[in-house]
Amino acid sequence: MSAALQMASSTARQISRNWSLPNILTYARVAAVPLVAGFLFWPHEPWARWTALAIFVAAGVSDFFDGYLARAWSQQSSLGRMLDPIADKLLVSAVILVLAADQTISGLSLWAAIVILCREILVSGLREYLAELRVPLPVTALAKWKTAVQFVALGFLIVGPAGEALLPGSITTGIVLLWIAAILTLYTGWDYMKASYDHAGGD
């Protein structure tokens, strides 16, 4: 009976951690992915563009708060650590793909988008590989700057033509920032590859 009670107590604690506020914010960020992508399917409707931007910004803000609250309230969990980077990559990838489909991102700028997408896949693979070795792959300061630049770039591009009415040149600004993010992506991706190679005992 005692063992059963302990198991029930452990299960209850696990459920409580999984439904902590930081994890709920992460779940909300995953749920935001189809919403942002859905509103972007009306590329010529200003209200849809602004709505997509609002959801995207809210998701980005939640990305800061879920990690902060998890540390501040000691509510870190394995599920949260797994889902947090996945939610970020899903959101970025979905937005880039839809913006490429409606040609907000086009021409040579598609290469910047490809670099960013490939890096997201690469880093996910490296994290999974290093997790098997029980080696953490901490986020570098430069990678945080890359994420910030990427977030702002996508914000400009999400609002797209609707933003041009208020701020002429906003799409061009977004494209320039996207290229800057792509350059930072290459550099930080190389850093992560080197770190994983070193931990794997490469010569």
N, C-alpha and C. Protein backbone atom coordinates (compact mmCIF):
# COMPACT_ATOMS: atom_id res chain seq x y z
N MET A 1 0.83 -1.20 0.00
CA MET A 1 0.00 0.00 0.00
C MET A 1 0.86 1.24 0.00
N SER A 2 1.92 1.21 0.81
CA SER A 2 2.83 2.35 0.89
C SER A 2 3.48 2.62 -0.46
N ALA A 3 3.90 1.56 -1.14
CA ALA A 3 4.52 1.72 -2.46
C ALA A 3 3.52 2.32 -3.44
N ALA A 4 2.26 1.89 -3.35
CA ALA A 4 1.23 2.40 -4.25
C ALA A 4 0.99 3.89 -3.99
N LEU A 5 0.99 4.28 -2.70
CA LEU A 5 0.80 5.68 -2.36
C LEU A 5 1.96 6.53 -2.85
N GLN A 6 3.17 5.99 -2.71
CA GLN A 6 4.35 6.72 -3.19
C GLN A 6 4.29 6.91 -4.69
N MET A 7 3.86 5.84 -5.39
CA MET A 7 3.76 5.94 -6.85
C MET A 7 2.70 6.96 -7.24
N ALA A 8 1.57 6.94 -6.54
CA ALA A 8 0.51 7.90 -6.84
C ALA A 8 0.97 9.33 -6.57
N SER A 9 1.70 9.50 -5.47
CA SER A 9 2.22 10.83 -5.13
C SER A 9 3.21 11.32 -6.17
N SER A 10 4.08 10.40 -6.63
CA SER A 10 5.07 10.75 -7.65
C SER A 10 4.38 11.13 -8.96
N THR A 11 3.34 10.38 -9.33
CA THR A 11 2.59 10.67 -10.55
C THR A 11 1.90 12.02 -10.46
N ALA A 12 1.34 12.33 -9.29
CA ALA A 12 0.67 13.60 -9.09
C ALA A 12 1.65 14.77 -9.22
N ARG A 13 2.85 14.58 -8.65
CA ARG A 13 3.86 15.63 -8.74
C ARG A 13 4.29 15.84 -10.19
N GLN A 14 4.41 14.72 -10.93
CA GLN A 14 4.81 14.81 -12.34
C GLN A 14 3.76 15.56 -13.16
N ILE A 15 2.48 15.23 -12.91
CA ILE A 15 1.40 15.92 -13.61
C ILE A 15 1.40 17.40 -13.27
N SER A 16 1.65 17.70 -11.99
CA SER A 16 1.69 19.09 -11.55
C SER A 16 2.80 19.85 -12.26
N ARG A 17 3.98 19.22 -12.39
CA ARG A 17 5.10 19.87 -13.08
C ARG A 17 4.78 20.06 -14.56
N ASN A 18 4.14 19.06 -15.16
CA ASN A 18 3.83 19.16 -16.59
C ASN A 18 2.82 20.26 -16.89
N TRP A 19 1.97 20.58 -15.90
CA TRP A 19 0.98 21.62 -16.10
C TRP A 19 1.29 22.87 -15.29
N SER A 20 2.57 23.09 -15.05
CA SER A 20 2.99 24.33 -14.40
C SER A 20 2.83 25.48 -15.38
N LEU A 21 2.81 26.72 -14.88
CA LEU A 21 2.63 27.88 -15.75
C LEU A 21 3.70 27.97 -16.84
N PRO A 22 4.99 27.75 -16.53
CA PRO A 22 6.00 27.79 -17.60
C PRO A 22 5.70 26.81 -18.73
N ASN A 23 5.28 25.59 -18.38
CA ASN A 23 4.96 24.61 -19.42
C ASN A 23 3.70 25.00 -20.20
N ILE A 24 2.72 25.58 -19.50
CA ILE A 24 1.51 26.03 -20.19
C ILE A 24 1.86 27.10 -21.23
N LEU A 25 2.80 27.99 -20.89
CA LEU A 25 3.24 29.00 -21.85
C LEU A 25 3.91 28.35 -23.06
N THR A 26 4.65 27.29 -22.81
CA THR A 26 5.29 26.56 -23.93
C THR A 26 4.23 25.91 -24.80
N TYR A 27 3.22 25.27 -24.16
CA TYR A 27 2.14 24.66 -24.93
C TYR A 27 1.44 25.72 -25.79
N ALA A 28 1.25 26.90 -25.21
CA ALA A 28 0.57 27.98 -25.93
C ALA A 28 1.40 28.40 -27.15
N ARG A 29 2.72 28.37 -26.99
CA ARG A 29 3.58 28.75 -28.12
C ARG A 29 3.48 27.73 -29.25
N VAL A 30 3.35 26.46 -28.90
CA VAL A 30 3.14 25.43 -29.93
C VAL A 30 1.79 25.66 -30.62
N ALA A 31 0.77 25.97 -29.82
CA ALA A 31 -0.56 26.21 -30.38
C ALA A 31 -0.58 27.45 -31.27
N ALA A 32 0.34 28.39 -31.03
CA ALA A 32 0.39 29.61 -31.82
C ALA A 32 0.87 29.36 -33.25
N VAL A 33 1.60 28.26 -33.46
CA VAL A 33 2.18 27.98 -34.78
C VAL A 33 1.13 27.92 -35.88
N PRO A 34 0.09 27.07 -35.77
CA PRO A 34 -0.92 27.03 -36.84
C PRO A 34 -1.73 28.32 -36.93
N LEU A 35 -1.87 29.05 -35.82
CA LEU A 35 -2.61 30.31 -35.85
C LEU A 35 -1.88 31.35 -36.68
N VAL A 36 -0.57 31.52 -36.40
CA VAL A 36 0.22 32.49 -37.16
C VAL A 36 0.23 32.11 -38.64
N ALA A 37 0.51 30.84 -38.92
CA ALA A 37 0.55 30.37 -40.31
C ALA A 37 -0.81 30.56 -40.99
N GLY A 38 -1.87 30.27 -40.26
CA GLY A 38 -3.22 30.39 -40.83
C GLY A 38 -3.54 31.82 -41.23
N PHE A 39 -3.24 32.79 -40.37
CA PHE A 39 -3.54 34.18 -40.72
C PHE A 39 -2.67 34.68 -41.87
N LEU A 40 -1.49 34.12 -42.01
CA LEU A 40 -0.62 34.52 -43.12
C LEU A 40 -1.09 33.98 -44.46
N PHE A 41 -2.07 33.09 -44.45
CA PHE A 41 -2.62 32.60 -45.71
C PHE A 41 -3.52 33.64 -46.38
N TRP A 42 -3.77 34.77 -45.69
CA TRP A 42 -4.45 35.91 -46.29
C TRP A 42 -3.43 37.04 -46.45
N PRO A 43 -2.46 36.87 -47.36
CA PRO A 43 -1.34 37.81 -47.45
C PRO A 43 -1.73 39.24 -47.82
N HIS A 44 -2.89 39.42 -48.45
CA HIS A 44 -3.27 40.77 -48.89
C HIS A 44 -4.32 41.40 -47.97
N GLU A 45 -4.57 40.76 -46.84
CA GLU A 45 -5.53 41.30 -45.87
C GLU A 45 -4.76 41.92 -44.71
N PRO A 46 -4.75 43.26 -44.60
CA PRO A 46 -3.97 43.91 -43.52
C PRO A 46 -4.31 43.39 -42.13
N TRP A 47 -5.62 43.17 -41.87
CA TRP A 47 -6.02 42.72 -40.53
C TRP A 47 -5.41 41.36 -40.20
N ALA A 48 -5.29 40.48 -41.23
CA ALA A 48 -4.72 39.15 -41.00
C ALA A 48 -3.23 39.25 -40.70
N ARG A 49 -2.55 40.14 -41.42
CA ARG A 49 -1.11 40.34 -41.18
C ARG A 49 -0.85 40.86 -39.77
N TRP A 50 -1.63 41.86 -39.36
CA TRP A 50 -1.43 42.42 -38.02
C TRP A 50 -1.80 41.42 -36.93
N THR A 51 -2.81 40.62 -37.17
CA THR A 51 -3.19 39.59 -36.20
C THR A 51 -2.08 38.54 -36.07
N ALA A 52 -1.53 38.13 -37.21
CA ALA A 52 -0.42 37.16 -37.20
C ALA A 52 0.76 37.74 -36.43
N LEU A 53 1.05 39.03 -36.65
CA LEU A 53 2.16 39.67 -35.93
C LEU A 53 1.91 39.69 -34.43
N ALA A 54 0.68 40.01 -34.03
CA ALA A 54 0.34 40.07 -32.60
C ALA A 54 0.55 38.70 -31.93
N ILE A 55 0.11 37.64 -32.60
CA ILE A 55 0.27 36.29 -32.04
C ILE A 55 1.75 35.92 -31.99
N PHE A 56 2.48 36.27 -33.04
CA PHE A 56 3.92 35.98 -33.11
C PHE A 56 4.67 36.68 -31.99
N VAL A 57 4.36 37.95 -31.77
CA VAL A 57 5.02 38.71 -30.69
C VAL A 57 4.67 38.11 -29.33
N ALA A 58 3.40 37.75 -29.13
CA ALA A 58 2.99 37.14 -27.86
C ALA A 58 3.74 35.83 -27.63
N ALA A 59 3.92 35.06 -28.71
CA ALA A 59 4.65 33.79 -28.58
C ALA A 59 6.11 34.06 -28.23
N GLY A 60 6.69 35.09 -28.85
CA GLY A 60 8.08 35.43 -28.54
C GLY A 60 8.26 35.88 -27.09
N VAL A 61 7.32 36.68 -26.60
CA VAL A 61 7.37 37.13 -25.21
C VAL A 61 7.23 35.95 -24.25
N SER A 62 6.34 35.01 -24.61
CA SER A 62 6.16 33.83 -23.76
C SER A 62 7.43 32.98 -23.69
N ASP A 63 8.22 33.02 -24.78
CA ASP A 63 9.47 32.27 -24.80
C ASP A 63 10.42 32.75 -23.71
N PHE A 64 10.43 34.07 -23.48
CA PHE A 64 11.26 34.62 -22.40
C PHE A 64 10.70 34.24 -21.04
N PHE A 65 9.39 34.42 -20.87
CA PHE A 65 8.81 34.24 -19.55
C PHE A 65 8.75 32.78 -19.10
N ASP A 66 8.58 31.82 -20.04
CA ASP A 66 8.49 30.43 -19.57
C ASP A 66 9.82 29.99 -18.96
N GLY A 67 10.94 30.36 -19.58
CA GLY A 67 12.23 30.00 -19.01
C GLY A 67 12.52 30.74 -17.72
N TYR A 68 12.20 32.03 -17.70
CA TYR A 68 12.43 32.84 -16.50
C TYR A 68 11.63 32.33 -15.31
N LEU A 69 10.35 32.07 -15.54
CA LEU A 69 9.49 31.61 -14.45
C LEU A 69 9.88 30.20 -13.98
N ALA A 70 10.28 29.35 -14.94
CA ALA A 70 10.68 28.00 -14.56
C ALA A 70 11.88 28.03 -13.62
N ARG A 71 12.84 28.93 -13.91
CA ARG A 71 14.01 29.06 -13.03
C ARG A 71 13.66 29.75 -11.72
N ALA A 72 12.87 30.81 -11.80
CA ALA A 72 12.53 31.59 -10.60
C ALA A 72 11.68 30.79 -9.63
N TRP A 73 10.78 29.96 -10.16
CA TRP A 73 9.87 29.20 -9.32
C TRP A 73 10.32 27.75 -9.13
N SER A 74 11.51 27.43 -9.62
CA SER A 74 12.04 26.05 -9.53
C SER A 74 11.04 25.04 -10.09
N GLN A 75 10.49 25.37 -11.26
CA GLN A 75 9.51 24.49 -11.91
C GLN A 75 10.04 23.94 -13.23
N GLN A 76 11.35 23.78 -13.30
CA GLN A 76 11.94 23.20 -14.51
C GLN A 76 11.58 21.72 -14.59
N SER A 77 11.32 21.24 -15.79
CA SER A 77 10.95 19.85 -15.97
C SER A 77 11.58 19.32 -17.26
N SER A 78 11.68 18.00 -17.35
CA SER A 78 12.24 17.38 -18.55
C SER A 78 11.37 17.69 -19.77
N LEU A 79 10.05 17.66 -19.56
CA LEU A 79 9.13 17.95 -20.66
C LEU A 79 9.32 19.38 -21.16
N GLY A 80 9.46 20.31 -20.23
CA GLY A 80 9.65 21.70 -20.61
C GLY A 80 10.96 21.92 -21.35
N ARG A 81 12.02 21.28 -20.87
CA ARG A 81 13.33 21.42 -21.54
C ARG A 81 13.28 20.83 -22.95
N MET A 82 12.48 19.80 -23.15
CA MET A 82 12.38 19.20 -24.47
C MET A 82 11.52 20.06 -25.40
N LEU A 83 10.36 20.52 -24.90
CA LEU A 83 9.41 21.21 -25.74
C LEU A 83 9.82 22.64 -26.07
N ASP A 84 10.55 23.29 -25.19
CA ASP A 84 10.87 24.71 -25.39
C ASP A 84 11.59 24.96 -26.71
N PRO A 85 12.72 24.30 -26.99
CA PRO A 85 13.38 24.54 -28.28
C PRO A 85 12.56 24.04 -29.47
N ILE A 86 11.77 22.98 -29.26
CA ILE A 86 10.92 22.48 -30.35
C ILE A 86 9.88 23.53 -30.73
N ALA A 87 9.27 24.16 -29.73
CA ALA A 87 8.26 25.19 -29.98
C ALA A 87 8.87 26.34 -30.77
N ASP A 88 10.07 26.77 -30.39
CA ASP A 88 10.74 27.86 -31.10
C ASP A 88 10.99 27.51 -32.56
N LYS A 89 11.50 26.31 -32.78
CA LYS A 89 11.84 25.89 -34.15
C LYS A 89 10.59 25.71 -35.01
N LEU A 90 9.52 25.19 -34.42
CA LEU A 90 8.27 25.04 -35.16
C LEU A 90 7.75 26.40 -35.60
N LEU A 91 7.78 27.37 -34.70
CA LEU A 91 7.26 28.69 -35.01
C LEU A 91 8.07 29.36 -36.11
N VAL A 92 9.39 29.36 -35.96
CA VAL A 92 10.27 29.99 -36.95
C VAL A 92 10.13 29.30 -38.30
N SER A 93 10.17 27.98 -38.31
CA SER A 93 10.10 27.24 -39.57
C SER A 93 8.79 27.47 -40.29
N ALA A 94 7.67 27.42 -39.54
CA ALA A 94 6.36 27.61 -40.16
C ALA A 94 6.25 29.00 -40.78
N VAL A 95 6.70 30.01 -40.05
CA VAL A 95 6.62 31.39 -40.55
C VAL A 95 7.46 31.56 -41.81
N ILE A 96 8.68 31.04 -41.79
CA ILE A 96 9.56 31.16 -42.96
C ILE A 96 8.95 30.47 -44.18
N LEU A 97 8.41 29.28 -43.98
CA LEU A 97 7.83 28.54 -45.09
C LEU A 97 6.63 29.27 -45.71
N VAL A 98 5.76 29.81 -44.85
CA VAL A 98 4.58 30.53 -45.38
C VAL A 98 5.01 31.82 -46.07
N LEU A 99 5.99 32.53 -45.49
CA LEU A 99 6.46 33.77 -46.11
C LEU A 99 7.14 33.51 -47.45
N ALA A 100 7.80 32.36 -47.55
CA ALA A 100 8.40 31.97 -48.84
C ALA A 100 7.31 31.61 -49.84
N ALA A 101 6.26 30.95 -49.36
CA ALA A 101 5.17 30.54 -50.24
C ALA A 101 4.43 31.75 -50.82
N ASP A 102 4.24 32.81 -50.00
CA ASP A 102 3.53 33.99 -50.54
C ASP A 102 4.49 35.01 -51.14
N GLN A 103 5.78 34.63 -51.23
CA GLN A 103 6.82 35.41 -51.90
C GLN A 103 7.18 36.71 -51.19
N THR A 104 6.84 36.79 -49.90
CA THR A 104 7.40 37.90 -49.11
C THR A 104 8.91 37.71 -49.03
N ILE A 105 9.33 36.44 -48.89
CA ILE A 105 10.74 36.07 -49.02
C ILE A 105 10.88 35.41 -50.38
N SER A 106 11.70 35.99 -51.24
CA SER A 106 11.83 35.45 -52.60
C SER A 106 13.23 35.73 -53.15
N GLY A 107 13.49 35.19 -54.33
CA GLY A 107 14.77 35.43 -54.98
C GLY A 107 15.94 34.94 -54.15
N LEU A 108 17.01 35.74 -54.13
CA LEU A 108 18.22 35.36 -53.39
C LEU A 108 17.97 35.26 -51.89
N SER A 109 16.97 35.99 -51.41
CA SER A 109 16.68 35.96 -49.97
C SER A 109 16.22 34.59 -49.50
N LEU A 110 15.79 33.76 -50.44
CA LEU A 110 15.43 32.39 -50.07
C LEU A 110 16.63 31.65 -49.49
N TRP A 111 17.84 32.02 -49.94
CA TRP A 111 19.04 31.35 -49.40
C TRP A 111 19.23 31.67 -47.93
N ALA A 112 18.90 32.89 -47.53
CA ALA A 112 18.97 33.23 -46.11
C ALA A 112 18.00 32.36 -45.31
N ALA A 113 16.80 32.18 -45.87
CA ALA A 113 15.79 31.34 -45.21
C ALA A 113 16.25 29.89 -45.14
N ILE A 114 16.87 29.40 -46.22
CA ILE A 114 17.35 28.01 -46.25
C ILE A 114 18.44 27.81 -45.20
N VAL A 115 19.35 28.77 -45.10
CA VAL A 115 20.43 28.67 -44.10
C VAL A 115 19.85 28.57 -42.70
N ILE A 116 18.87 29.41 -42.40
CA ILE A 116 18.25 29.41 -41.07
C ILE A 116 17.55 28.09 -40.79
N LEU A 117 16.78 27.59 -41.76
CA LEU A 117 16.07 26.33 -41.58
C LEU A 117 17.03 25.16 -41.39
N CYS A 118 18.09 25.13 -42.21
CA CYS A 118 19.06 24.03 -42.10
C CYS A 118 19.77 24.06 -40.76
N ARG A 119 20.05 25.25 -40.27
CA ARG A 119 20.72 25.36 -38.97
C ARG A 119 19.82 24.85 -37.85
N GLU A 120 18.51 25.15 -37.94
CA GLU A 120 17.59 24.69 -36.91
C GLU A 120 17.58 23.16 -36.86
N ILE A 121 17.57 22.53 -38.04
CA ILE A 121 17.58 21.07 -38.10
C ILE A 121 18.90 20.52 -37.57
N LEU A 122 20.01 21.16 -37.97
CA LEU A 122 21.34 20.72 -37.53
C LEU A 122 21.48 20.76 -36.02
N VAL A 123 21.11 21.88 -35.43
CA VAL A 123 21.26 22.04 -33.98
C VAL A 123 20.36 21.06 -33.24
N SER A 124 19.16 20.81 -33.76
CA SER A 124 18.27 19.82 -33.13
C SER A 124 18.93 18.44 -33.12
N GLY A 125 19.55 18.09 -34.25
CA GLY A 125 20.24 16.80 -34.33
C GLY A 125 21.42 16.72 -33.38
N LEU A 126 22.18 17.82 -33.29
CA LEU A 126 23.34 17.84 -32.39
C LEU A 126 22.90 17.70 -30.94
N ARG A 127 21.82 18.39 -30.58
CA ARG A 127 21.34 18.30 -29.20
C ARG A 127 20.91 16.87 -28.86
N GLU A 128 20.23 16.22 -29.80
CA GLU A 128 19.80 14.84 -29.57
C GLU A 128 21.01 13.92 -29.42
N TYR A 129 22.01 14.12 -30.27
CA TYR A 129 23.22 13.30 -30.23
C TYR A 129 23.96 13.50 -28.91
N LEU A 130 24.13 14.76 -28.50
CA LEU A 130 24.87 15.04 -27.27
C LEU A 130 24.08 14.62 -26.03
N ALA A 131 22.75 14.61 -26.14
CA ALA A 131 21.93 14.17 -25.00
C ALA A 131 22.22 12.71 -24.68
N GLU A 132 22.48 11.91 -25.71
CA GLU A 132 22.83 10.51 -25.49
C GLU A 132 24.17 10.37 -24.76
N LEU A 133 25.05 11.37 -24.98
CA LEU A 133 26.34 11.37 -24.29
C LEU A 133 26.27 12.08 -22.95
N ARG A 134 25.06 12.56 -22.62
CA ARG A 134 24.83 13.35 -21.39
C ARG A 134 25.70 14.60 -21.37
N VAL A 135 25.82 15.23 -22.52
CA VAL A 135 26.61 16.46 -22.64
C VAL A 135 25.64 17.59 -23.00
N PRO A 136 25.58 18.64 -22.18
CA PRO A 136 24.68 19.76 -22.49
C PRO A 136 25.25 20.60 -23.64
N LEU A 137 24.36 21.26 -24.36
CA LEU A 137 24.78 22.17 -25.42
C LEU A 137 24.15 23.53 -25.11
N PRO A 138 24.82 24.31 -24.23
CA PRO A 138 24.24 25.58 -23.78
C PRO A 138 24.13 26.60 -24.91
N VAL A 139 23.14 27.46 -24.79
CA VAL A 139 22.94 28.53 -25.77
C VAL A 139 23.97 29.62 -25.52
N THR A 140 24.69 30.01 -26.56
CA THR A 140 25.71 31.04 -26.42
C THR A 140 25.07 32.43 -26.47
N ALA A 141 25.83 33.43 -26.03
CA ALA A 141 25.34 34.81 -26.06
C ALA A 141 25.07 35.25 -27.50
N LEU A 142 25.97 34.86 -28.42
CA LEU A 142 25.79 35.24 -29.82
C LEU A 142 24.55 34.58 -30.41
N ALA A 143 24.27 33.34 -29.99
CA ALA A 143 23.07 32.65 -30.47
C ALA A 143 21.81 33.37 -29.99
N LYS A 144 21.86 33.96 -28.79
CA LYS A 144 20.71 34.72 -28.30
C LYS A 144 20.50 35.98 -29.15
N TRP A 145 21.62 36.62 -29.54
CA TRP A 145 21.51 37.78 -30.41
C TRP A 145 20.95 37.38 -31.77
N LYS A 146 21.39 36.23 -32.26
CA LYS A 146 20.87 35.73 -33.53
C LYS A 146 19.36 35.54 -33.45
N THR A 147 18.91 34.96 -32.35
CA THR A 147 17.48 34.73 -32.18
C THR A 147 16.71 36.05 -32.14
N ALA A 148 17.29 37.05 -31.46
CA ALA A 148 16.63 38.35 -31.37
C ALA A 148 16.53 39.02 -32.74
N VAL A 149 17.62 39.00 -33.51
CA VAL A 149 17.61 39.59 -34.85
C VAL A 149 16.63 38.85 -35.75
N GLN A 150 16.63 37.54 -35.66
CA GLN A 150 15.73 36.70 -36.45
C GLN A 150 14.27 37.00 -36.12
N PHE A 151 13.99 37.18 -34.83
CA PHE A 151 12.63 37.47 -34.38
C PHE A 151 12.16 38.80 -34.95
N VAL A 152 13.01 39.83 -34.87
CA VAL A 152 12.64 41.15 -35.38
C VAL A 152 12.46 41.10 -36.89
N ALA A 153 13.37 40.40 -37.59
CA ALA A 153 13.27 40.26 -39.05
C ALA A 153 11.94 39.63 -39.45
N LEU A 154 11.59 38.54 -38.80
CA LEU A 154 10.33 37.87 -39.13
C LEU A 154 9.13 38.72 -38.78
N GLY A 155 9.25 39.52 -37.73
CA GLY A 155 8.17 40.44 -37.37
C GLY A 155 7.89 41.43 -38.50
N PHE A 156 8.95 42.04 -39.04
CA PHE A 156 8.79 42.96 -40.17
C PHE A 156 8.18 42.26 -41.38
N LEU A 157 8.62 41.03 -41.63
CA LEU A 157 8.15 40.31 -42.82
C LEU A 157 6.73 39.79 -42.64
N ILE A 158 6.36 39.43 -41.43
CA ILE A 158 4.99 38.97 -41.17
C ILE A 158 3.99 40.07 -41.48
N VAL A 159 4.27 41.28 -41.01
CA VAL A 159 3.32 42.37 -41.26
C VAL A 159 3.37 42.79 -42.71
N GLY A 160 4.51 42.58 -43.37
CA GLY A 160 4.65 42.72 -44.81
C GLY A 160 4.03 43.96 -45.42
N PRO A 161 3.20 43.78 -46.46
CA PRO A 161 2.60 44.92 -47.16
C PRO A 161 1.79 45.83 -46.24
N ALA A 162 1.17 45.25 -45.22
CA ALA A 162 0.37 46.07 -44.29
C ALA A 162 1.27 47.05 -43.55
N GLY A 163 2.52 46.66 -43.29
CA GLY A 163 3.44 47.54 -42.59
C GLY A 163 3.97 48.66 -43.46
N GLU A 164 4.01 48.42 -44.77
CA GLU A 164 4.53 49.43 -45.68
C GLU A 164 3.71 50.73 -45.61
N ALA A 165 2.43 50.60 -45.31
CA ALA A 165 1.58 51.79 -45.24
C ALA A 165 1.97 52.69 -44.07
N LEU A 166 2.46 52.09 -42.98
CA LEU A 166 2.87 52.86 -41.82
C LEU A 166 4.36 53.18 -41.83
N LEU A 167 5.14 52.23 -42.33
CA LEU A 167 6.60 52.39 -42.34
C LEU A 167 7.15 51.92 -43.68
N PRO A 168 7.21 52.81 -44.66
CA PRO A 168 7.73 52.42 -45.97
C PRO A 168 9.14 51.83 -45.86
N GLY A 169 9.34 50.72 -46.57
CA GLY A 169 10.65 50.06 -46.50
C GLY A 169 10.72 49.00 -45.43
N SER A 170 9.58 48.68 -44.80
CA SER A 170 9.62 47.70 -43.70
C SER A 170 9.97 46.30 -44.20
N ILE A 171 9.51 45.96 -45.41
CA ILE A 171 9.85 44.64 -45.95
C ILE A 171 11.35 44.56 -46.23
N THR A 172 11.90 45.64 -46.80
CA THR A 172 13.35 45.67 -47.06
C THR A 172 14.12 45.56 -45.77
N THR A 173 13.65 46.24 -44.72
CA THR A 173 14.30 46.15 -43.41
C THR A 173 14.28 44.71 -42.91
N GLY A 174 13.14 44.05 -43.08
CA GLY A 174 13.03 42.66 -42.65
C GLY A 174 13.97 41.74 -43.41
N ILE A 175 14.12 41.97 -44.72
CA ILE A 175 15.01 41.14 -45.53
C ILE A 175 16.46 41.34 -45.12
N VAL A 176 16.86 42.60 -44.88
CA VAL A 176 18.23 42.88 -44.45
C VAL A 176 18.53 42.20 -43.12
N LEU A 177 17.58 42.32 -42.18
CA LEU A 177 17.76 41.67 -40.88
C LEU A 177 17.79 40.15 -41.01
N LEU A 178 17.02 39.62 -41.98
CA LEU A 178 17.02 38.17 -42.20
C LEU A 178 18.40 37.70 -42.66
N TRP A 179 19.05 38.48 -43.52
CA TRP A 179 20.40 38.14 -43.97
C TRP A 179 21.40 38.22 -42.81
N ILE A 180 21.24 39.23 -41.96
CA ILE A 180 22.12 39.35 -40.79
C ILE A 180 21.94 38.13 -39.89
N ALA A 181 20.67 37.73 -39.69
CA ALA A 181 20.38 36.55 -38.88
C ALA A 181 20.98 35.30 -39.51
N ALA A 182 20.95 35.21 -40.85
CA ALA A 182 21.52 34.05 -41.54
C ALA A 182 23.02 33.98 -41.35
N ILE A 183 23.70 35.14 -41.40
CA ILE A 183 25.15 35.17 -41.18
C ILE A 183 25.49 34.74 -39.75
N LEU A 184 24.74 35.28 -38.79
CA LEU A 184 24.94 34.87 -37.39
C LEU A 184 24.63 33.39 -37.21
N THR A 185 23.65 32.91 -37.97
CA THR A 185 23.27 31.50 -37.93
C THR A 185 24.42 30.60 -38.36
N LEU A 186 25.10 30.98 -39.44
CA LEU A 186 26.25 30.21 -39.91
C LEU A 186 27.34 30.16 -38.85
N TYR A 187 27.61 31.29 -38.25
CA TYR A 187 28.68 31.37 -37.26
C TYR A 187 28.35 30.55 -36.02
N THR A 188 27.13 30.74 -35.49
CA THR A 188 26.77 30.00 -34.27
C THR A 188 26.61 28.51 -34.56
N GLY A 189 26.15 28.18 -35.77
CA GLY A 189 26.03 26.77 -36.14
C GLY A 189 27.38 26.09 -36.15
N TRP A 190 28.39 26.81 -36.66
CA TRP A 190 29.76 26.27 -36.65
C TRP A 190 30.24 26.08 -35.22
N ASP A 191 29.93 27.04 -34.34
CA ASP A 191 30.32 26.93 -32.92
C ASP A 191 29.73 25.66 -32.31
N TYR A 192 28.45 25.40 -32.58
CA TYR A 192 27.80 24.23 -32.02
C TYR A 192 28.39 22.94 -32.59
N MET A 193 28.69 22.95 -33.89
CA MET A 193 29.29 21.77 -34.49
C MET A 193 30.67 21.48 -33.88
N LYS A 194 31.45 22.53 -33.66
CA LYS A 194 32.78 22.37 -33.08
C LYS A 194 32.68 21.85 -31.65
N ALA A 195 31.71 22.38 -30.90
CA ALA A 195 31.53 21.94 -29.51
C ALA A 195 31.13 20.47 -29.47
N SER A 196 30.24 20.04 -30.37
CA SER A 196 29.82 18.64 -30.39
C SER A 196 30.95 17.73 -30.82
N TYR A 197 31.77 18.20 -31.76
CA TYR A 197 32.92 17.41 -32.22
C TYR A 197 33.92 17.22 -31.10
N ASP A 198 34.17 18.29 -30.34
CA ASP A 198 35.10 18.21 -29.21
C ASP A 198 34.61 17.24 -28.14
N HIS A 199 33.30 17.31 -27.85
CA HIS A 199 32.74 16.43 -26.82
C HIS A 199 32.72 14.97 -27.28
N ALA A 200 32.62 14.78 -28.60
CA ALA A 200 32.59 13.41 -29.11
C ALA A 200 33.98 12.80 -29.16
N GLY A 201 34.98 13.60 -28.82
CA GLY A 201 36.35 13.08 -28.77
C GLY A 201 37.04 13.07 -30.11
N GLY A 202 36.62 14.00 -31.01
CA GLY A 202 37.25 14.08 -32.31
C GLY A 202 38.68 14.56 -32.22
N ASP A 203 39.52 14.14 -33.18
CA ASP A 203 40.93 14.55 -33.18
C ASP A 203 41.06 15.92 -33.85
